[in-house]
C-alpha atoms as a PDB file:
ATOM      1  CA  GLN A   1       0.000   0.000   0.000  1.00  0.00           C
ATOM      2  CA  VAL A   2       0.964   3.622  -0.377  1.00  0.00           C
ATOM      3  CA  GLN A   3       1.598   6.133   2.376  1.00  0.00           C
ATOM      4  CA  LEU A   4      -0.196   9.452   2.009  1.00  0.00           C
ATOM      5  CA  VAL A   5       0.622  12.920   3.353  1.00  0.00           C
ATOM      6  CA  GLU A   6      -1.829  15.807   2.893  1.00  0.00           C
ATOM      7  CA  SER A   7      -0.971  19.495   2.968  1.00  0.00           C
ATOM      8  CA  GLY A   8      -2.512  22.831   2.072  1.00  0.00           C
ATOM      9  CA  GLY A   9      -5.271  23.194   4.617  1.00  0.00           C
ATOM     10  CA  GLY A  10      -5.876  26.346   6.607  1.00  0.00           C
ATOM     11  CA  LEU A  11      -8.231  29.185   7.413  1.00  0.00           C
ATOM     12  CA  VAL A  12      -9.897  31.021   4.530  1.00  0.00           C
ATOM     13  CA  GLN A  13     -12.739  33.517   4.231  1.00  0.00           C
ATOM     14  CA  PRO A  14     -15.990  32.592   2.501  1.00  0.00           C
ATOM     15  CA  GLY A  15     -15.572  32.890  -1.250  1.00  0.00           C
ATOM     16  CA  GLY A  16     -11.862  32.178  -1.031  1.00  0.00           C
ATOM     17  CA  SER A  17      -9.757  29.358  -2.437  1.00  0.00           C
ATOM     18  CA  LEU A  18      -7.398  26.667  -1.195  1.00  0.00           C
ATOM     19  CA  ARG A  19      -5.481  23.902  -2.920  1.00  0.00           C
ATOM     20  CA  LEU A  20      -4.920  20.668  -1.072  1.00  0.00           C
ATOM     21  CA  SER A  21      -2.111  18.315  -2.027  1.00  0.00           C
ATOM     22  CA  CYS A  22      -1.635  14.660  -1.224  1.00  0.00           C
ATOM     23  CA  ALA A  23       1.785  13.142  -1.814  1.00  0.00           C
ATOM     24  CA  ALA A  24       2.017   9.373  -2.064  1.00  0.00           C
ATOM     25  CA  SER A  25       5.014   7.182  -1.437  1.00  0.00           C
ATOM     26  CA  GLY A  26       5.167   3.602  -2.570  1.00  0.00           C
ATOM     27  CA  ARG A  27       4.836   1.809  -5.834  1.00  0.00           C
ATOM     28  CA  SER A  28       2.470   2.049  -8.765  1.00  0.00           C
ATOM     29  CA  PHE A  29       0.707   5.289  -7.837  1.00  0.00           C
ATOM     30  CA  SER A  30      -0.799   5.506 -11.303  1.00  0.00           C
ATOM     31  CA  ILE A  31      -3.027   2.438 -10.831  1.00  0.00           C
ATOM     32  CA  TYR A  32      -4.768   3.826  -7.751  1.00  0.00           C
ATOM     33  CA  THR A  33      -8.132   5.510  -7.675  1.00  0.00           C
ATOM     34  CA  MET A  34      -7.508   8.585  -5.567  1.00  0.00           C
ATOM     35  CA  GLY A  35     -10.125  10.348  -3.528  1.00  0.00           C
ATOM     36  CA  TRP A  36     -10.703  13.240  -1.193  1.00  0.00           C
ATOM     37  CA  TYR A  37     -13.042  12.787   1.761  1.00  0.00           C
ATOM     38  CA  ARG A  38     -14.075  15.164   4.516  1.00  0.00           C
ATOM     39  CA  GLN A  39     -15.375  14.849   8.031  1.00  0.00           C
ATOM     40  CA  ALA A  40     -17.020  17.669   9.932  1.00  0.00           C
ATOM     41  CA  PRO A  41     -17.367  17.538  13.745  1.00  0.00           C
ATOM     42  CA  GLY A  42     -20.052  15.072  14.771  1.00  0.00           C
ATOM     43  CA  LYS A  43     -20.571  13.814  11.228  1.00  0.00           C
ATOM     44  CA  GLN A  44     -19.417  10.814   9.257  1.00  0.00           C
ATOM     45  CA  ARG A  45     -16.605  10.871   6.733  1.00  0.00           C
ATOM     46  CA  ASP A  46     -17.982  11.373   3.229  1.00  0.00           C
ATOM     47  CA  VAL A  47     -16.431  11.353  -0.207  1.00  0.00           C
ATOM     48  CA  VAL A  48     -15.961  14.743  -1.875  1.00  0.00           C
ATOM     49  CA  ALA A  49     -14.250  13.855  -5.151  1.00  0.00           C
ATOM     50  CA  SER A  50     -12.424  10.998  -6.815  1.00  0.00           C
ATOM     51  CA  ILE A  51     -10.231  10.392  -9.844  1.00  0.00           C
ATOM     52  CA  THR A  52      -9.465   7.056 -11.454  1.00  0.00           C
ATOM     53  CA  SER A  53      -6.292   5.822 -13.100  1.00  0.00           C
ATOM     54  CA  ARG A  54      -7.805   6.954 -16.404  1.00  0.00           C
ATOM     55  CA  ASP A  55      -8.512  10.464 -15.069  1.00  0.00           C
ATOM     56  CA  SER A  56     -12.243   9.922 -14.814  1.00  0.00           C
ATOM     57  CA  THR A  57     -13.534  12.246 -12.106  1.00  0.00           C
ATOM     58  CA  ASN A  58     -16.580  12.309  -9.891  1.00  0.00           C
ATOM     59  CA  TYR A  59     -17.865  14.886  -7.401  1.00  0.00           C
ATOM     60  CA  VAL A  60     -20.474  15.091  -4.703  1.00  0.00           C
ATOM     61  CA  ASP A  61     -23.246  17.462  -5.750  1.00  0.00           C
ATOM     62  CA  SER A  62     -22.440  20.037  -3.076  1.00  0.00           C
ATOM     63  CA  VAL A  63     -18.975  20.767  -4.510  1.00  0.00           C
ATOM     64  CA  ARG A  64     -19.479  20.175  -8.242  1.00  0.00           C
ATOM     65  CA  GLY A  65     -18.473  23.294 -10.155  1.00  0.00           C
ATOM     66  CA  ARG A  66     -16.465  24.657  -7.217  1.00  0.00           C
ATOM     67  CA  PHE A  67     -13.883  21.920  -6.567  1.00  0.00           C
ATOM     68  CA  THR A  68     -11.514  20.271  -9.044  1.00  0.00           C
ATOM     69  CA  ILE A  69      -9.580  17.068  -8.443  1.00  0.00           C
ATOM     70  CA  SER A  70      -6.476  16.303 -10.486  1.00  0.00           C
ATOM     71  CA  ARG A  71      -3.441  14.064 -10.342  1.00  0.00           C
ATOM     72  CA  ASP A  72       0.193  14.171 -11.434  1.00  0.00           C
ATOM     73  CA  ASN A  73       1.429  10.606 -11.723  1.00  0.00           C
ATOM     74  CA  ALA A  74       5.018  11.747 -12.318  1.00  0.00           C
ATOM     75  CA  LYS A  75       4.946  13.379  -8.876  1.00  0.00           C
ATOM     76  CA  SER A  76       2.708  10.735  -7.252  1.00  0.00           C
ATOM     77  CA  THR A  77       0.468  13.553  -6.088  1.00  0.00           C
ATOM     78  CA  VAL A  78      -3.247  14.281  -6.170  1.00  0.00           C
ATOM     79  CA  TYR A  79      -4.694  17.759  -5.756  1.00  0.00           C
ATOM     80  CA  LEU A  80      -8.002  19.277  -4.742  1.00  0.00           C
ATOM     81  CA  GLN A  81      -8.522  22.836  -5.933  1.00  0.00           C
ATOM     82  CA  MET A  82     -11.300  24.383  -3.856  1.00  0.00           C
ATOM     83  CA  ASP A  83     -12.864  27.635  -5.039  1.00  0.00           C
ATOM     84  CA  SER A  84     -15.850  29.671  -3.835  1.00  0.00           C
ATOM     85  CA  LEU A  85     -15.498  28.108  -0.418  1.00  0.00           C
ATOM     86  CA  LYS A  86     -18.433  28.152   1.959  1.00  0.00           C
ATOM     87  CA  PRO A  87     -18.593  27.794   5.751  1.00  0.00           C
ATOM     88  CA  GLU A  88     -20.224  24.388   5.275  1.00  0.00           C
ATOM     89  CA  ASP A  89     -17.014  23.194   3.592  1.00  0.00           C
ATOM     90  CA  THR A  90     -15.295  23.368   6.983  1.00  0.00           C
ATOM     91  CA  ALA A  91     -13.989  19.901   7.856  1.00  0.00           C
ATOM     92  CA  VAL A  92     -10.930  17.733   8.130  1.00  0.00           C
ATOM     93  CA  TYR A  93     -10.054  16.621   4.609  1.00  0.00           C
ATOM     94  CA  TYR A  94      -8.550  13.184   4.047  1.00  0.00           C
ATOM     95  CA  CYS A  95      -6.798  11.753   1.041  1.00  0.00           C
ATOM     96  CA  SER A  96      -7.496   8.138   0.111  1.00  0.00           C
ATOM     97  CA  ALA A  97      -5.847   5.693  -2.255  1.00  0.00           C
ATOM     98  CA  TYR A  98      -7.816   2.670  -3.459  1.00  0.00           C
ATOM     99  CA  ASN A  99      -6.022  -0.223  -5.145  1.00  0.00           C
ATOM    100  CA  PRO A 100      -8.459  -1.823  -7.624  1.00  0.00           C
ATOM    101  CA  LEU A 101      -6.287  -4.920  -7.961  1.00  0.00           C
ATOM    102  CA  ASN A 102      -6.593  -6.053  -4.345  1.00  0.00           C
ATOM    103  CA  GLY A 103      -9.249  -3.800  -2.836  1.00  0.00           C
ATOM    104  CA  GLY A 104      -6.852  -2.247  -0.364  1.00  0.00           C
ATOM    105  CA  ARG A 105      -7.303   1.339   0.798  1.00  0.00           C
ATOM    106  CA  SER A 106      -4.868   3.759   2.432  1.00  0.00           C
ATOM    107  CA  TRP A 107      -5.623   7.010   4.256  1.00  0.00           C
ATOM    108  CA  GLY A 108      -3.675  10.135   5.003  1.00  0.00           C
ATOM    109  CA  GLN A 109      -3.629  11.833   8.388  1.00  0.00           C
ATOM    110  CA  GLY A 110      -6.001  14.618   7.346  1.00  0.00           C
ATOM    111  CA  THR A 111      -5.708  18.374   6.997  1.00  0.00           C
ATOM    112  CA  GLN A 112      -8.033  20.942   8.552  1.00  0.00           C
ATOM    113  CA  VAL A 113      -9.936  23.352   6.323  1.00  0.00           C
ATOM    114  CA  THR A 114     -11.815  26.155   8.063  1.00  0.00           C
ATOM    115  CA  VAL A 115     -13.985  28.603   6.138  1.00  0.00           C
ATOM    116  CA  SER A 116     -14.911  31.545   8.308  1.00  0.00           C
ATOM    117  CA  SER A 117     -14.967  35.323   8.313  1.00  0.00           C
END
């Protein structure tokens, strides 16, 4: 499995932008389906966006048109560009790597995103 390290979280005002990064170490990054999840206090962890090995992307309705997921296989990194941020986007954001060959999943440690004026 891969090891994942997220970065890029922080405090931003409503309407602002942040870019999260998730660097993976290990082998065969390009085969993984990568995803971003978030967990707000008292709520379950939910998927926000995902990108397959063929660059097919999917978004939860609440972020579609505002967030963009992308990957750079040469750098073994996945990104989440977040624009037009809203207070309800406040959460800990987690990176996930899913191996379709064996069903294994890895998680990063999470990065806090706070949207507040």
